[in-house]
Amino acid sequence: MPISPPYAANIIADIRRQIAAGELKSGDQLPSLPALREHYGCSLGSVRNALDRLKASGELTSHQGIGYFVP
């Protein structure tokens, strides 16, 4: 599902929607960064930016070398 600019904002909105809809639940791990890049059709930097912003707001957590999780 390629998205249009601004990529990070659209990724954030989509992940928030998935959490609100129950598609992503507490404890779920998000797909890998390369998989998300492929899914959204954007750069790895845009994916990292979006996930880091969600982490900063407390909507995601991360474990180095493992991935991002819904808290």
C-alpha atoms as a PDB file:
ATOM      1  CA  MET A   1       0.000   0.000   0.000  1.00  0.00           C
ATOM      2  CA  PRO A   2       2.240   2.853  -1.167  1.00  0.00           C
ATOM      3  CA  ILE A   3       1.477   6.162   0.491  1.00  0.00           C
ATOM      4  CA  SER A   4       1.991   9.725  -0.612  1.00  0.00           C
ATOM      5  CA  PRO A   5       4.031  12.462   1.107  1.00  0.00           C
ATOM      6  CA  PRO A   6       4.442  13.384   3.906  1.00  0.00           C
ATOM      7  CA  TYR A   7       5.418   9.776   4.449  1.00  0.00           C
ATOM      8  CA  ALA A   8       6.211   9.779   8.170  1.00  0.00           C
ATOM      9  CA  ALA A   9       2.938  11.504   9.062  1.00  0.00           C
ATOM     10  CA  ASN A  10       0.965   9.012   6.986  1.00  0.00           C
ATOM     11  CA  ILE A  11       2.778   6.037   8.527  1.00  0.00           C
ATOM     12  CA  ILE A  12       2.075   7.414  12.012  1.00  0.00           C
ATOM     13  CA  ALA A  13      -1.599   7.865  11.161  1.00  0.00           C
ATOM     14  CA  ASP A  14      -1.836   4.333   9.763  1.00  0.00           C
ATOM     15  CA  ILE A  15      -0.175   2.715  12.784  1.00  0.00           C
ATOM     16  CA  ARG A  16      -2.387   4.732  15.145  1.00  0.00           C
ATOM     17  CA  ARG A  17      -5.414   3.563  13.144  1.00  0.00           C
ATOM     18  CA  GLN A  18      -4.281  -0.061  13.420  1.00  0.00           C
ATOM     19  CA  ILE A  19      -3.863   0.272  17.187  1.00  0.00           C
ATOM     20  CA  ALA A  20      -7.264   1.964  17.591  1.00  0.00           C
ATOM     21  CA  ALA A  21      -8.945  -0.701  15.432  1.00  0.00           C
ATOM     22  CA  GLY A  22      -7.380  -3.508  17.457  1.00  0.00           C
ATOM     23  CA  GLU A  23      -5.350  -4.760  14.504  1.00  0.00           C
ATOM     24  CA  LEU A  24      -2.247  -4.136  16.626  1.00  0.00           C
ATOM     25  CA  LYS A  25      -2.600  -5.031  20.299  1.00  0.00           C
ATOM     26  CA  SER A  26      -0.455  -4.583  23.378  1.00  0.00           C
ATOM     27  CA  GLY A  27       2.613  -6.777  23.089  1.00  0.00           C
ATOM     28  CA  ASP A  28       2.460  -7.089  19.298  1.00  0.00           C
ATOM     29  CA  GLN A  29       5.703  -6.612  17.400  1.00  0.00           C
ATOM     30  CA  LEU A  30       5.628  -4.456  14.288  1.00  0.00           C
ATOM     31  CA  PRO A  31       7.117  -5.861  11.075  1.00  0.00           C
ATOM     32  CA  SER A  32      10.807  -5.199  10.410  1.00  0.00           C
ATOM     33  CA  LEU A  33      11.923  -1.816   9.094  1.00  0.00           C
ATOM     34  CA  PRO A  34      12.626  -3.231   5.603  1.00  0.00           C
ATOM     35  CA  ALA A  35       9.198  -4.884   5.549  1.00  0.00           C
ATOM     36  CA  LEU A  36       7.517  -1.610   6.560  1.00  0.00           C
ATOM     37  CA  ARG A  37       9.543   0.277   3.934  1.00  0.00           C
ATOM     38  CA  GLU A  38       8.323  -2.162   1.299  1.00  0.00           C
ATOM     39  CA  HIS A  39       4.737  -2.042   2.582  1.00  0.00           C
ATOM     40  CA  TYR A  40       4.544   1.749   2.579  1.00  0.00           C
ATOM     41  CA  GLY A  41       6.673   2.259  -0.537  1.00  0.00           C
ATOM     42  CA  CYS A  42       8.940   4.887   0.997  1.00  0.00           C
ATOM     43  CA  SER A  43      12.474   5.254   2.325  1.00  0.00           C
ATOM     44  CA  LEU A  44      13.833   3.522   5.382  1.00  0.00           C
ATOM     45  CA  GLY A  45      14.469   6.977   6.860  1.00  0.00           C
ATOM     46  CA  SER A  46      10.773   7.840   6.654  1.00  0.00           C
ATOM     47  CA  VAL A  47       9.862   4.609   8.430  1.00  0.00           C
ATOM     48  CA  ARG A  48      12.473   5.205  11.158  1.00  0.00           C
ATOM     49  CA  ASN A  49      11.274   8.794  11.588  1.00  0.00           C
ATOM     50  CA  ALA A  50       7.664   7.661  12.026  1.00  0.00           C
ATOM     51  CA  LEU A  51       8.504   4.872  14.476  1.00  0.00           C
ATOM     52  CA  ASP A  52      10.825   7.103  16.499  1.00  0.00           C
ATOM     53  CA  ARG A  53       8.090   9.738  16.774  1.00  0.00           C
ATOM     54  CA  LEU A  54       5.595   7.099  17.938  1.00  0.00           C
ATOM     55  CA  LYS A  55       8.154   5.862  20.453  1.00  0.00           C
ATOM     56  CA  ALA A  56       8.780   9.408  21.729  1.00  0.00           C
ATOM     57  CA  SER A  57       5.041   9.843  22.310  1.00  0.00           C
ATOM     58  CA  GLY A  58       4.836   6.527  24.198  1.00  0.00           C
ATOM     59  CA  GLU A  59       2.724   4.797  21.551  1.00  0.00           C
ATOM     60  CA  LEU A  60       5.486   2.280  20.768  1.00  0.00           C
ATOM     61  CA  THR A  61       8.469   0.827  22.574  1.00  0.00           C
ATOM     62  CA  SER A  62      11.609  -0.656  21.066  1.00  0.00           C
ATOM     63  CA  HIS A  63      14.271  -3.148  21.991  1.00  0.00           C
ATOM     64  CA  GLN A  64      17.601  -2.690  20.206  1.00  0.00           C
ATOM     65  CA  GLY A  65      18.225  -5.458  17.723  1.00  0.00           C
ATOM     66  CA  ILE A  66      14.723  -6.872  18.202  1.00  0.00           C
ATOM     67  CA  GLY A  67      12.209  -4.307  16.949  1.00  0.00           C
ATOM     68  CA  TYR A  68       9.280  -2.071  17.811  1.00  0.00           C
ATOM     69  CA  PHE A  69       6.339  -3.149  19.962  1.00  0.00           C
ATOM     70  CA  VAL A  70       2.924  -1.877  21.007  1.00  0.00           C
ATOM     71  CA  PRO A  71       3.184  -1.259  24.771  1.00  0.00           C
END
